Protein backbone atom coordinates (compact mmCIF):
# COMPACT_ATOMS: atom_id res chain seq x y z
CA UNK A 1 7.48 119.52 54.71
CA UNK A 2 9.44 116.63 53.32
CA UNK A 3 9.80 113.84 55.58
CA UNK A 4 12.20 111.67 53.72
CA UNK A 5 14.57 111.61 56.75
CA UNK A 6 12.01 109.34 58.47
CA UNK A 7 11.50 111.70 61.47
CA UNK A 8 8.47 110.98 63.67
CA UNK A 9 8.86 114.21 65.69
CA UNK A 10 10.76 117.41 64.64
CA UNK A 11 10.94 120.36 66.81
CA UNK A 12 12.10 123.48 65.30
CA UNK A 13 13.14 126.62 67.49
CA UNK A 14 10.44 125.89 70.20
CA UNK A 15 9.90 128.58 72.87
CA UNK A 16 7.55 128.47 75.60
CA UNK A 17 6.78 131.05 78.28
CA UNK A 18 4.93 131.15 81.60
CA UNK A 19 4.25 134.90 81.90
CA UNK A 20 7.81 136.41 81.84
CA UNK A 21 9.59 133.03 82.70
CA UNK A 22 11.21 131.53 79.59
CA UNK A 23 10.65 127.77 80.24
CA UNK A 24 11.78 126.42 76.85
CA UNK A 25 14.28 128.59 74.87
CA UNK A 26 14.61 127.92 71.14
CA UNK A 27 14.87 124.20 71.33
CA UNK A 28 15.35 122.03 68.13
CA UNK A 29 15.22 118.22 68.10
CA UNK A 30 14.69 115.39 65.69
CA UNK A 31 13.42 112.03 66.82
CA UNK A 32 13.33 109.29 63.96
CA UNK A 33 11.36 106.12 63.57
CA UNK A 34 12.31 103.30 65.87
CA UNK A 35 14.49 105.51 68.12
CA UNK A 36 14.44 105.62 72.03
CA UNK A 37 15.47 109.17 72.74
CA UNK A 38 16.20 109.81 76.39
CA UNK A 39 15.90 113.44 77.83
CA UNK A 40 17.89 113.86 81.10
CA UNK A 41 18.94 116.84 83.16
CA UNK A 42 18.22 118.51 86.48
CA UNK A 43 14.75 118.92 87.91
CA UNK A 44 12.82 121.99 86.66
CA UNK A 45 15.01 122.37 83.54
CA UNK A 46 12.00 122.21 81.18
CA UNK A 47 12.11 118.57 80.04
CA UNK A 48 8.51 117.70 80.97
CA UNK A 49 7.27 121.00 79.49
CA UNK A 50 8.85 120.14 76.38
CA UNK A 51 6.95 116.90 76.17
CA UNK A 52 3.70 118.67 76.89
CA UNK A 53 4.32 121.08 74.04
CA UNK A 54 4.82 118.05 71.64
CA UNK A 55 1.69 116.58 72.81
CA UNK A 56 -0.40 119.74 72.65
CA UNK A 57 -1.11 119.74 76.39
CA UNK A 58 0.94 123.10 76.62
CA UNK A 59 0.74 125.89 74.08
CA UNK A 60 4.01 127.39 73.06
CA UNK A 61 4.72 130.95 71.77
CA UNK A 62 7.06 130.38 68.79
CA UNK A 63 8.59 127.46 66.85
CA UNK A 64 7.13 124.56 65.20
CA UNK A 65 6.43 120.73 65.87
CA UNK A 66 6.05 118.43 63.04
CA UNK A 67 4.58 114.83 63.46
CA UNK A 68 5.45 112.44 60.53
CA UNK A 69 6.36 115.36 58.41
CA UNK A 70 3.20 117.51 59.03
CA UNK A 71 3.08 120.58 60.99
CA UNK A 72 0.90 120.21 64.03
CA UNK A 73 -1.75 123.04 64.10
CA UNK A 74 -4.59 123.90 66.34
CA UNK A 75 -6.83 122.46 63.64
CA UNK A 76 -5.14 118.89 63.45
CA UNK A 77 -3.73 118.61 66.91
CA UNK A 78 -6.56 116.47 68.35
CA UNK A 79 -6.42 114.10 65.30
CA UNK A 80 -2.47 113.75 65.59
CA UNK A 81 -2.71 113.10 69.38
CA UNK A 82 -4.50 110.00 68.74
CA UNK A 83 -1.24 108.66 67.44
CA UNK A 84 1.06 110.16 70.11
CA UNK A 85 0.92 108.13 73.28
CA UNK A 86 1.58 109.73 76.56
CA UNK A 87 2.67 108.10 79.93
CA UNK A 88 2.60 110.41 82.89
CA UNK A 89 4.61 110.54 86.03
CA UNK A 90 1.42 109.99 88.23
CA UNK A 91 -0.25 107.37 86.14
CA UNK A 92 -3.44 109.52 85.43
CA UNK A 93 -5.70 106.52 85.44
CA UNK A 94 -9.57 107.03 85.82
CA UNK A 95 -10.31 105.88 89.39
CA UNK A 96 -13.94 104.82 88.84
CA UNK A 97 -12.92 102.50 85.82
CA UNK A 98 -11.43 99.07 85.95
CA UNK A 99 -7.95 98.47 84.59
CA UNK A 100 -9.35 97.08 81.42
CA UNK A 101 -11.93 99.97 81.01
CA UNK A 102 -9.06 102.41 81.54
CA UNK A 103 -7.25 100.71 78.55
CA UNK A 104 -10.16 100.31 76.30
CA UNK A 105 -11.92 103.72 76.73
CA UNK A 106 -10.01 105.73 74.29
CA UNK A 107 -9.99 103.22 71.39
CA UNK A 108 -13.85 102.75 71.83
CA UNK A 109 -14.66 106.55 72.36
CA UNK A 110 -12.11 108.25 70.31
CA UNK A 111 -11.08 105.79 67.65
CA UNK A 112 -14.62 104.36 67.45
CA UNK A 113 -13.34 100.85 67.48
CA UNK A 114 -15.69 97.93 68.23
CA UNK A 115 -15.82 97.12 71.93
CA UNK A 116 -15.16 93.40 71.45
CA UNK A 117 -12.12 94.21 69.17
CA UNK A 118 -10.87 96.81 71.67
CA UNK A 119 -11.21 94.42 74.67
CA UNK A 120 -9.44 91.51 72.77
CA UNK A 121 -6.63 93.77 71.90
CA UNK A 122 -6.38 95.12 75.55
CA UNK A 123 -6.40 91.51 76.92
CA UNK A 124 -3.47 90.62 74.73
CA UNK A 125 -1.66 93.58 76.10
CA UNK A 126 -2.31 92.76 79.69
CA UNK A 127 -1.09 89.24 79.10
CA UNK A 128 2.07 90.48 77.57
CA UNK A 129 3.17 92.54 80.77
CA UNK A 130 1.82 89.57 83.21
CA UNK A 131 -1.25 91.57 84.40
CA UNK A 132 -3.98 89.52 82.89
CA UNK A 133 -5.24 88.74 86.52
CA UNK A 134 -5.64 92.47 87.26
CA UNK A 135 -7.86 93.58 84.35
CA UNK A 136 -10.96 93.83 86.60
CA UNK A 137 -9.17 95.67 89.47
CA UNK A 138 -9.84 99.39 90.11
CA UNK A 139 -6.65 101.56 90.47
CA UNK A 140 -6.91 101.77 94.19
CA UNK A 141 -6.44 97.98 94.29
CA UNK A 142 -3.16 98.13 92.32
CA UNK A 143 0.44 98.89 93.28
CA UNK A 144 2.17 101.89 91.83
CA UNK A 145 4.05 99.69 89.44
CA UNK A 146 0.99 97.87 88.29
CA UNK A 147 -0.67 101.30 87.67
CA UNK A 148 2.11 102.53 85.69
CA UNK A 149 2.23 99.44 83.45
CA UNK A 150 -1.45 99.72 82.82
CA UNK A 151 -0.83 103.53 81.97
CA UNK A 152 1.71 102.15 79.34
CA UNK A 153 -0.83 99.78 77.96
CA UNK A 154 -3.53 102.56 77.81
CA UNK A 155 -0.98 104.44 75.50
CA UNK A 156 -0.30 101.32 73.48
CA UNK A 157 -3.91 100.53 73.06
CA UNK A 158 -4.21 103.54 70.66
CA UNK A 159 -1.57 101.80 68.23
CA UNK A 160 0.54 105.00 68.43
CA UNK A 161 3.46 106.07 66.27
CA UNK A 162 5.42 107.29 69.37
CA UNK A 163 5.08 107.24 73.03
CA UNK A 164 6.14 110.05 75.23
CA UNK A 165 7.21 109.07 78.82
CA UNK A 166 7.33 111.81 81.50
CA UNK A 167 9.61 110.45 84.28
CA UNK A 168 7.45 107.28 84.40
CA UNK A 169 9.43 105.74 87.35
CA UNK A 170 10.01 108.84 89.63
CA UNK A 171 6.67 108.21 91.55
CA UNK A 172 7.51 104.59 92.25
CA UNK A 173 9.07 102.72 95.13
CA UNK A 174 12.39 101.36 94.19
CA UNK A 175 11.35 97.74 93.96
CA UNK A 176 8.54 98.57 91.58
CA UNK A 177 10.78 100.38 89.11
CA UNK A 178 12.28 97.32 87.46
CA UNK A 179 8.91 95.93 86.17
CA UNK A 180 8.16 99.36 84.52
CA UNK A 181 11.57 99.55 82.90
CA UNK A 182 11.29 96.02 81.63
CA UNK A 183 8.12 96.76 79.67
CA UNK A 184 9.93 100.04 78.39
CA UNK A 185 13.02 98.15 77.35
CA UNK A 186 10.76 95.48 75.53
CA UNK A 187 9.00 98.27 73.76
CA UNK A 188 12.43 99.77 72.71
CA UNK A 189 13.65 96.38 71.36
CA UNK A 190 10.35 95.82 69.46
CA UNK A 191 10.97 99.27 67.51
CA UNK A 192 8.57 101.47 69.21
CA UNK A 193 9.58 105.17 68.76
CA UNK A 194 9.95 106.68 72.17
CA UNK A 195 10.93 109.92 73.88
CA UNK A 196 11.70 109.17 77.61
CA UNK A 197 12.33 111.90 80.24
CA UNK A 198 14.01 110.09 83.04
CA UNK A 199 16.77 109.97 85.62
CA UNK A 200 17.22 106.27 85.04
CA UNK A 201 20.61 106.42 83.43
CA UNK A 202 21.02 102.64 83.57
CA UNK A 203 18.03 102.44 81.27
CA UNK A 204 19.46 105.13 79.10
CA UNK A 205 22.83 103.38 78.87
CA UNK A 206 21.18 100.14 77.81
CA UNK A 207 18.47 101.14 75.32
CA UNK A 208 18.78 104.74 74.19
CA UNK A 209 19.65 105.66 70.60
CA UNK A 210 20.44 109.16 71.74
CA UNK A 211 20.66 111.07 75.01
CA UNK A 212 19.95 114.76 75.24
CA UNK A 213 20.97 116.73 78.26
CA UNK A 214 18.76 119.57 79.13
CA UNK A 215 19.27 122.47 81.38
CA UNK A 216 17.64 125.80 81.99
CA UNK A 217 15.16 125.24 79.13
CA UNK A 218 17.88 124.46 76.56
CA UNK A 219 19.53 121.51 74.94
CA UNK A 220 23.22 121.47 76.16
CA UNK A 221 24.00 118.53 73.88
CA UNK A 222 22.85 115.31 72.23
CA UNK A 223 25.17 112.40 72.18
CA UNK A 224 25.11 108.57 71.67
CA UNK A 225 24.95 106.77 74.82
CA UNK A 226 28.67 105.65 74.38
CA UNK A 227 29.86 109.13 73.99
CA UNK A 228 27.56 110.44 76.84
CA UNK A 229 28.80 108.08 79.42
CA UNK A 230 32.54 108.29 78.34
CA UNK A 231 32.13 111.93 79.72
CA UNK A 232 33.46 113.44 76.54
CA UNK A 233 30.74 116.12 76.48
CA UNK A 234 30.36 119.61 78.12
CA UNK A 235 31.68 120.39 81.57
CA UNK A 236 28.04 120.76 82.76
CA UNK A 237 27.22 117.23 81.62
CA UNK A 238 30.18 115.81 83.38
CA UNK A 239 29.07 117.45 86.62
CA UNK A 240 25.55 116.09 86.22
CA UNK A 241 26.98 112.54 85.64
CA UNK A 242 29.39 112.69 88.63
CA UNK A 243 26.45 113.71 90.79
CA UNK A 244 24.35 110.70 89.78
CA UNK A 245 26.85 107.76 88.90
CA UNK A 246 30.57 107.24 88.94
CA UNK A 247 32.11 107.73 85.51
């Protein structure tokens, strides 16, 4: 495939079934280098499932996913996943490892990096998000917001080309959300390519390159933030917005 359009992720006619349930219905989407692409929509609409298909966590029945212009296949998916960061809703940190060990284990074990190099890189990441005094703590000793920031650092430690965020603030207490969003905004400003499934529409309005509204396993529409929040889209999108914010 020709990648002259600079797409990092391209999805073509993706369909995913769970038995007879059609979870993702013929979805196509392009995400280009440096974009922050926000996916929003009602719960249960298939947003997270689409992310899991991109990252190879879920198998899909038809369609194609391209990463940096190359078709993802069962033969190359493990290699490609090393450059696709994933941040989960519930952190998924290893409980028996310290914060530093959680961030360095994949670079050391998967990328075969020197331990000292991986730890030096991790320390600089911890310092960047103000958690250098938490490196030796175990997950049970950390707040939800701290755990999620460390989960973001774990993804960044692999030097990914794109990071996928699956509702990264939905499991947090409200006062912890802002610290996680601050890190994500900083990533967006620095040019990291991101796909973010979220209900945090203030974040979307501030940093998104594009906003895609998802419902019933399908893309209803993709708009710029200005177009999306002006309410010039579909009636279904207007209803969704009116249920969350005043527009």
